[in-house]
């Protein structure tokens, strides 16, 4: 299967998800709490069902791993990984900084990813061996001469455990120095990674992510010249634990990992 065909299908999947999501945005809908206390809405479910319907029609032999409806054809070498609304809390709050994540994995490794913001009409597409695009035009991460002054982002400091939070705060201190008023930006979920790919953010640091949270992000970030790995510097795949670093300038990676581990051996 040609990667160009996969990209065309991924665009169609994102279009279908967006069409399912938009009628619910800032409108009445049902909200439930899942077993982990995270919220799920009618929009999450409608979007994933729309994506799955297309995949079952177009790629009936390939696997699907979705946040809301689980896994089918688990042993398939090619698997589509879906997060219909990454940032459901932002969606519920009417903030258009959530996104639909669609990834294609080959033998456990991400080879294609889309971050789609269906309200603002923003779409990042990354694919192995190809430059990342934003709304059809290539984008690049920016260079970062030193850690001090780099723009760091994470969804919420409350998502870190106490131990993880110590490591994160060490990184935040290394980035901000004595200028904590110009410290990290919070909120954003997957949207932060798109901003990193487009050269507006330098580092995203998170933990506790599941495969559907990060699989699509890897091709987007790396196709723009950035790098993604876990907190130990290992590449991300379907066996990764969910601690994630995204960095726009790979030259700063050792600095980030050193800061995360500083005084917390």
Protein backbone atom coordinates (compact mmCIF):
# COMPACT_ATOMS: atom_id res chain seq x y z
CA UNK A 1 0.00 0.00 0.00
CA UNK A 2 1.48 3.36 -1.08
CA UNK A 3 1.95 5.94 1.66
CA UNK A 4 0.22 8.51 -0.55
CA UNK A 5 -2.91 6.33 -0.47
CA UNK A 6 -2.65 6.12 3.31
CA UNK A 7 -2.34 9.90 3.56
CA UNK A 8 -5.39 10.42 1.34
CA UNK A 9 -7.38 8.03 3.51
CA UNK A 10 -6.18 9.73 6.70
CA UNK A 11 -7.43 13.07 5.32
CA UNK A 12 -10.82 11.49 4.62
CA UNK A 13 -10.92 10.08 8.15
CA UNK A 14 -10.15 13.48 9.65
CA UNK A 15 -12.82 15.09 7.45
CA UNK A 16 -15.39 12.54 8.66
CA UNK A 17 -14.45 13.09 12.29
CA UNK A 18 -14.66 16.86 11.93
CA UNK A 19 -18.11 16.64 10.35
CA UNK A 20 -19.25 14.55 13.31
CA UNK A 21 -17.72 16.89 15.92
CA UNK A 22 -18.69 20.36 14.72
CA UNK A 23 -22.46 20.13 15.38
CA UNK A 24 -21.73 19.41 19.05
CA UNK A 25 -19.22 22.21 19.68
CA UNK A 26 -20.65 24.76 22.16
CA UNK A 27 -24.00 22.99 21.84
CA UNK A 28 -25.99 20.73 24.21
CA UNK A 29 -24.80 17.10 24.38
CA UNK A 30 -24.49 14.25 26.85
CA UNK A 31 -21.36 13.89 28.99
CA UNK A 32 -20.38 10.77 30.93
CA UNK A 33 -17.44 9.83 33.13
CA UNK A 34 -15.35 6.83 32.13
CA UNK A 35 -13.84 4.35 34.56
CA UNK A 36 -10.75 6.54 34.97
CA UNK A 37 -13.00 9.55 35.75
CA UNK A 38 -12.11 11.26 32.47
CA UNK A 39 -15.05 12.72 30.53
CA UNK A 40 -16.46 11.38 27.27
CA UNK A 41 -19.10 13.09 25.15
CA UNK A 42 -21.45 12.25 22.33
CA UNK A 43 -19.00 14.03 20.03
CA UNK A 44 -16.10 11.71 20.99
CA UNK A 45 -18.18 8.67 20.21
CA UNK A 46 -19.75 10.02 17.03
CA UNK A 47 -16.34 10.98 15.64
CA UNK A 48 -14.75 7.61 16.36
CA UNK A 49 -17.71 5.75 14.87
CA UNK A 50 -17.43 7.86 11.72
CA UNK A 51 -13.73 7.05 11.38
CA UNK A 52 -14.27 3.34 12.05
CA UNK A 53 -17.05 3.11 9.46
CA UNK A 54 -14.69 4.42 6.77
CA UNK A 55 -11.84 2.16 7.85
CA UNK A 56 -14.03 -0.95 7.85
CA UNK A 57 -15.08 -0.08 4.30
CA UNK A 58 -11.68 0.94 2.94
CA UNK A 59 -9.23 -1.22 4.98
CA UNK A 60 -11.12 -4.24 6.35
CA UNK A 61 -7.94 -6.23 6.98
CA UNK A 62 -6.13 -3.57 9.01
CA UNK A 63 -6.31 -3.17 12.76
CA UNK A 64 -7.98 -0.36 14.68
CA UNK A 65 -7.05 0.87 18.15
CA UNK A 66 -9.49 3.52 19.35
CA UNK A 67 -9.87 5.34 22.64
CA UNK A 68 -13.63 4.88 22.84
CA UNK A 69 -14.33 1.54 21.14
CA UNK A 70 -11.21 -0.52 21.73
CA UNK A 71 -9.21 -2.75 19.41
CA UNK A 72 -10.11 -4.91 16.44
CA UNK A 73 -7.73 -7.20 14.51
CA UNK A 74 -5.12 -6.83 17.23
CA UNK A 75 -2.50 -8.92 15.42
CA UNK A 76 -2.53 -6.89 12.18
CA UNK A 77 0.86 -5.47 11.17
CA UNK A 78 -0.83 -2.23 10.11
CA UNK A 79 -2.98 -0.55 12.74
CA UNK A 80 -4.87 2.72 12.77
CA UNK A 81 -4.75 4.45 16.16
CA UNK A 82 -7.56 6.89 16.92
CA UNK A 83 -8.27 9.57 19.48
CA UNK A 84 -11.43 11.26 18.21
CA UNK A 85 -11.13 14.21 20.61
CA UNK A 86 -7.80 14.64 22.33
CA UNK A 87 -8.54 17.33 24.91
CA UNK A 88 -12.14 16.50 25.75
CA UNK A 89 -12.06 18.91 28.71
CA UNK A 90 -11.14 21.76 26.35
CA UNK A 91 -13.94 20.69 24.01
CA UNK A 92 -16.44 20.73 26.88
CA UNK A 93 -15.21 24.18 27.93
CA UNK A 94 -15.72 25.51 24.40
CA UNK A 95 -11.99 25.99 23.80
CA UNK A 96 -10.97 25.18 20.20
CA UNK A 97 -7.56 23.76 21.15
CA UNK A 98 -8.53 20.09 21.20
CA UNK A 99 -7.81 17.88 18.22
CA UNK A 100 -8.59 14.66 16.42
CA UNK A 101 -5.58 12.32 16.32
CA UNK A 102 -5.24 9.70 13.60
CA UNK A 103 -2.14 7.54 13.31
CA UNK A 104 -1.05 4.61 11.19
CA UNK A 105 1.39 2.21 12.79
CA UNK A 106 3.46 -0.42 11.00
CA UNK A 107 4.62 -3.28 13.24
CA UNK A 108 4.20 -1.10 16.31
CA UNK A 109 5.93 2.04 14.99
CA UNK A 110 4.14 5.26 13.97
CA UNK A 111 4.58 6.00 10.25
CA UNK A 112 1.77 8.53 9.63
CA UNK A 113 -0.03 11.02 11.84
CA UNK A 114 -2.65 13.75 11.63
CA UNK A 115 -3.49 16.43 14.19
CA UNK A 116 -6.77 18.02 13.11
CA UNK A 117 -8.49 20.97 14.76
CA UNK A 118 -11.96 20.86 13.18
CA UNK A 119 -13.25 24.21 14.49
CA UNK A 120 -10.39 26.45 13.34
CA UNK A 121 -9.71 24.33 10.27
CA UNK A 122 -6.08 23.58 11.14
CA UNK A 123 -4.48 20.29 10.12
CA UNK A 124 -0.94 19.02 10.55
CA UNK A 125 0.06 15.91 8.59
CA UNK A 126 3.27 13.98 9.12
CA UNK A 127 4.44 10.85 7.31
CA UNK A 128 7.67 8.89 7.38
CA UNK A 129 10.18 10.26 4.88
CA UNK A 130 8.07 13.30 4.04
CA UNK A 131 8.01 16.89 5.33
CA UNK A 132 5.23 17.75 7.76
CA UNK A 133 2.57 20.04 6.35
CA UNK A 134 0.18 22.50 7.95
CA UNK A 135 -2.90 23.00 5.80
CA UNK A 136 -0.93 21.68 2.85
CA UNK A 137 2.22 23.78 3.25
CA UNK A 138 5.51 22.48 4.74
CA UNK A 139 6.38 23.61 8.25
CA UNK A 140 9.57 23.40 10.31
CA UNK A 141 10.43 23.53 13.97
CA UNK A 142 12.67 26.37 15.12
CA UNK A 143 16.21 26.29 16.40
CA UNK A 144 16.83 26.78 20.11
CA UNK A 145 20.29 28.01 21.11
CA UNK A 146 19.96 27.13 24.80
CA UNK A 147 17.48 25.73 27.28
CA UNK A 148 17.11 29.00 29.18
CA UNK A 149 14.34 30.95 27.51
CA UNK A 150 12.92 28.01 25.55
CA UNK A 151 9.13 27.88 25.33
CA UNK A 152 7.94 24.87 27.34
CA UNK A 153 4.38 23.56 27.22
CA UNK A 154 2.40 20.86 28.99
CA UNK A 155 -1.32 20.24 29.26
CA UNK A 156 -1.52 20.53 33.05
CA UNK A 157 0.94 20.24 35.96
CA UNK A 158 -1.85 18.45 37.84
CA UNK A 159 -1.47 15.43 35.54
CA UNK A 160 1.98 14.62 36.97
CA UNK A 161 2.38 12.44 40.04
CA UNK A 162 4.30 14.02 42.91
CA UNK A 163 7.51 12.30 41.80
CA UNK A 164 7.01 13.17 38.13
CA UNK A 165 6.13 16.72 39.12
CA UNK A 166 9.52 17.17 40.78
CA UNK A 167 11.25 16.22 37.54
CA UNK A 168 8.99 18.47 35.48
CA UNK A 169 9.56 21.43 37.83
CA UNK A 170 13.32 20.94 37.46
CA UNK A 171 12.90 21.26 33.70
CA UNK A 172 10.62 24.29 34.11
CA UNK A 173 13.24 25.94 36.33
CA UNK A 174 15.99 25.27 33.78
CA UNK A 175 13.87 26.84 31.06
CA UNK A 176 12.61 29.82 33.04
CA UNK A 177 15.52 30.61 35.35
CA UNK A 178 14.45 33.53 37.53
CA UNK A 179 11.82 34.60 34.98
CA UNK A 180 8.98 32.39 36.19
CA UNK A 181 6.50 35.00 35.00
CA UNK A 182 7.57 33.94 31.52
CA UNK A 183 7.34 30.28 32.39
CA UNK A 184 5.58 27.33 30.76
CA UNK A 185 2.27 27.52 28.93
CA UNK A 186 -0.54 25.23 30.07
CA UNK A 187 -3.47 23.67 28.28
CA UNK A 188 -3.43 22.55 24.69
CA UNK A 189 -3.16 18.75 24.65
CA UNK A 190 -2.21 17.68 21.10
CA UNK A 191 -2.42 21.28 19.85
CA UNK A 192 0.89 22.04 21.57
CA UNK A 193 2.65 19.49 19.37
CA UNK A 194 1.27 21.10 16.24
CA UNK A 195 2.53 24.47 17.47
CA UNK A 196 5.93 22.90 18.10
CA UNK A 197 5.99 21.50 14.57
CA UNK A 198 5.17 24.98 13.24
CA UNK A 199 7.96 26.63 15.24
CA UNK A 200 6.02 28.39 18.01
CA UNK A 201 6.85 26.09 20.94
CA UNK A 202 10.24 24.53 21.73
CA UNK A 203 9.50 21.69 24.18
CA UNK A 204 6.46 19.70 25.25
CA UNK A 205 6.86 17.45 28.28
CA UNK A 206 4.13 15.11 29.51
CA UNK A 207 3.55 11.78 31.17
CA UNK A 208 0.73 9.27 31.53
CA UNK A 209 -0.08 9.33 27.81
CA UNK A 210 -1.62 6.31 26.12
CA UNK A 211 -0.82 5.07 22.64
CA UNK A 212 -3.77 6.92 21.13
CA UNK A 213 -2.49 10.14 22.76
CA UNK A 214 0.98 10.11 21.20
CA UNK A 215 1.13 7.82 18.13
CA UNK A 216 -0.05 10.51 15.69
CA UNK A 217 2.23 13.15 17.17
CA UNK A 218 5.52 11.40 16.38
CA UNK A 219 5.41 11.65 12.55
CA UNK A 220 4.13 15.24 12.76
CA UNK A 221 6.93 16.44 15.05
CA UNK A 222 9.73 14.47 13.42
CA UNK A 223 8.68 15.32 9.86
CA UNK A 224 9.04 18.98 10.82
CA UNK A 225 12.61 18.47 12.03
CA UNK A 226 11.87 17.84 15.70
CA UNK A 227 12.28 14.76 17.84
CA UNK A 228 10.06 12.71 20.15
CA UNK A 229 11.10 10.18 22.76
CA UNK A 230 10.41 9.08 26.31
CA UNK A 231 12.03 10.72 29.33
CA UNK A 232 15.01 8.37 28.98
CA UNK A 233 15.56 9.29 25.34
CA UNK A 234 14.16 6.07 23.90
CA UNK A 235 12.00 6.23 20.74
CA UNK A 236 8.24 5.92 21.09
CA UNK A 237 6.33 2.85 19.93
CA UNK A 238 3.40 0.71 21.02
CA UNK A 239 5.36 -0.55 24.05
CA UNK A 240 6.23 2.91 25.42
CA UNK A 241 5.07 3.73 28.94
CA UNK A 242 3.66 7.17 28.14
CA UNK A 243 6.26 9.63 29.44
CA UNK A 244 6.91 11.88 26.46
CA UNK A 245 9.27 14.62 25.36
CA UNK A 246 8.78 16.53 22.11
CA UNK A 247 11.54 18.94 21.18
CA UNK A 248 11.79 21.27 18.23
CA UNK A 249 15.59 21.42 18.15
CA UNK A 250 17.10 17.95 18.67
CA UNK A 251 20.37 19.61 19.69
CA UNK A 252 18.73 20.47 23.03
CA UNK A 253 17.58 16.92 23.80
CA UNK A 254 20.46 16.04 26.13
CA UNK A 255 19.89 19.31 27.99
CA UNK A 256 16.20 18.48 28.48
CA UNK A 257 16.89 14.95 29.71
CA UNK A 258 19.60 16.22 32.06
CA UNK A 259 17.26 18.87 33.47
CA UNK A 260 14.49 16.31 34.00
CA UNK A 261 16.85 14.08 35.98
CA UNK A 262 18.68 16.88 37.84
CA UNK A 263 18.96 16.21 41.59
CA UNK A 264 16.37 13.44 41.34
CA UNK A 265 18.52 10.39 40.69
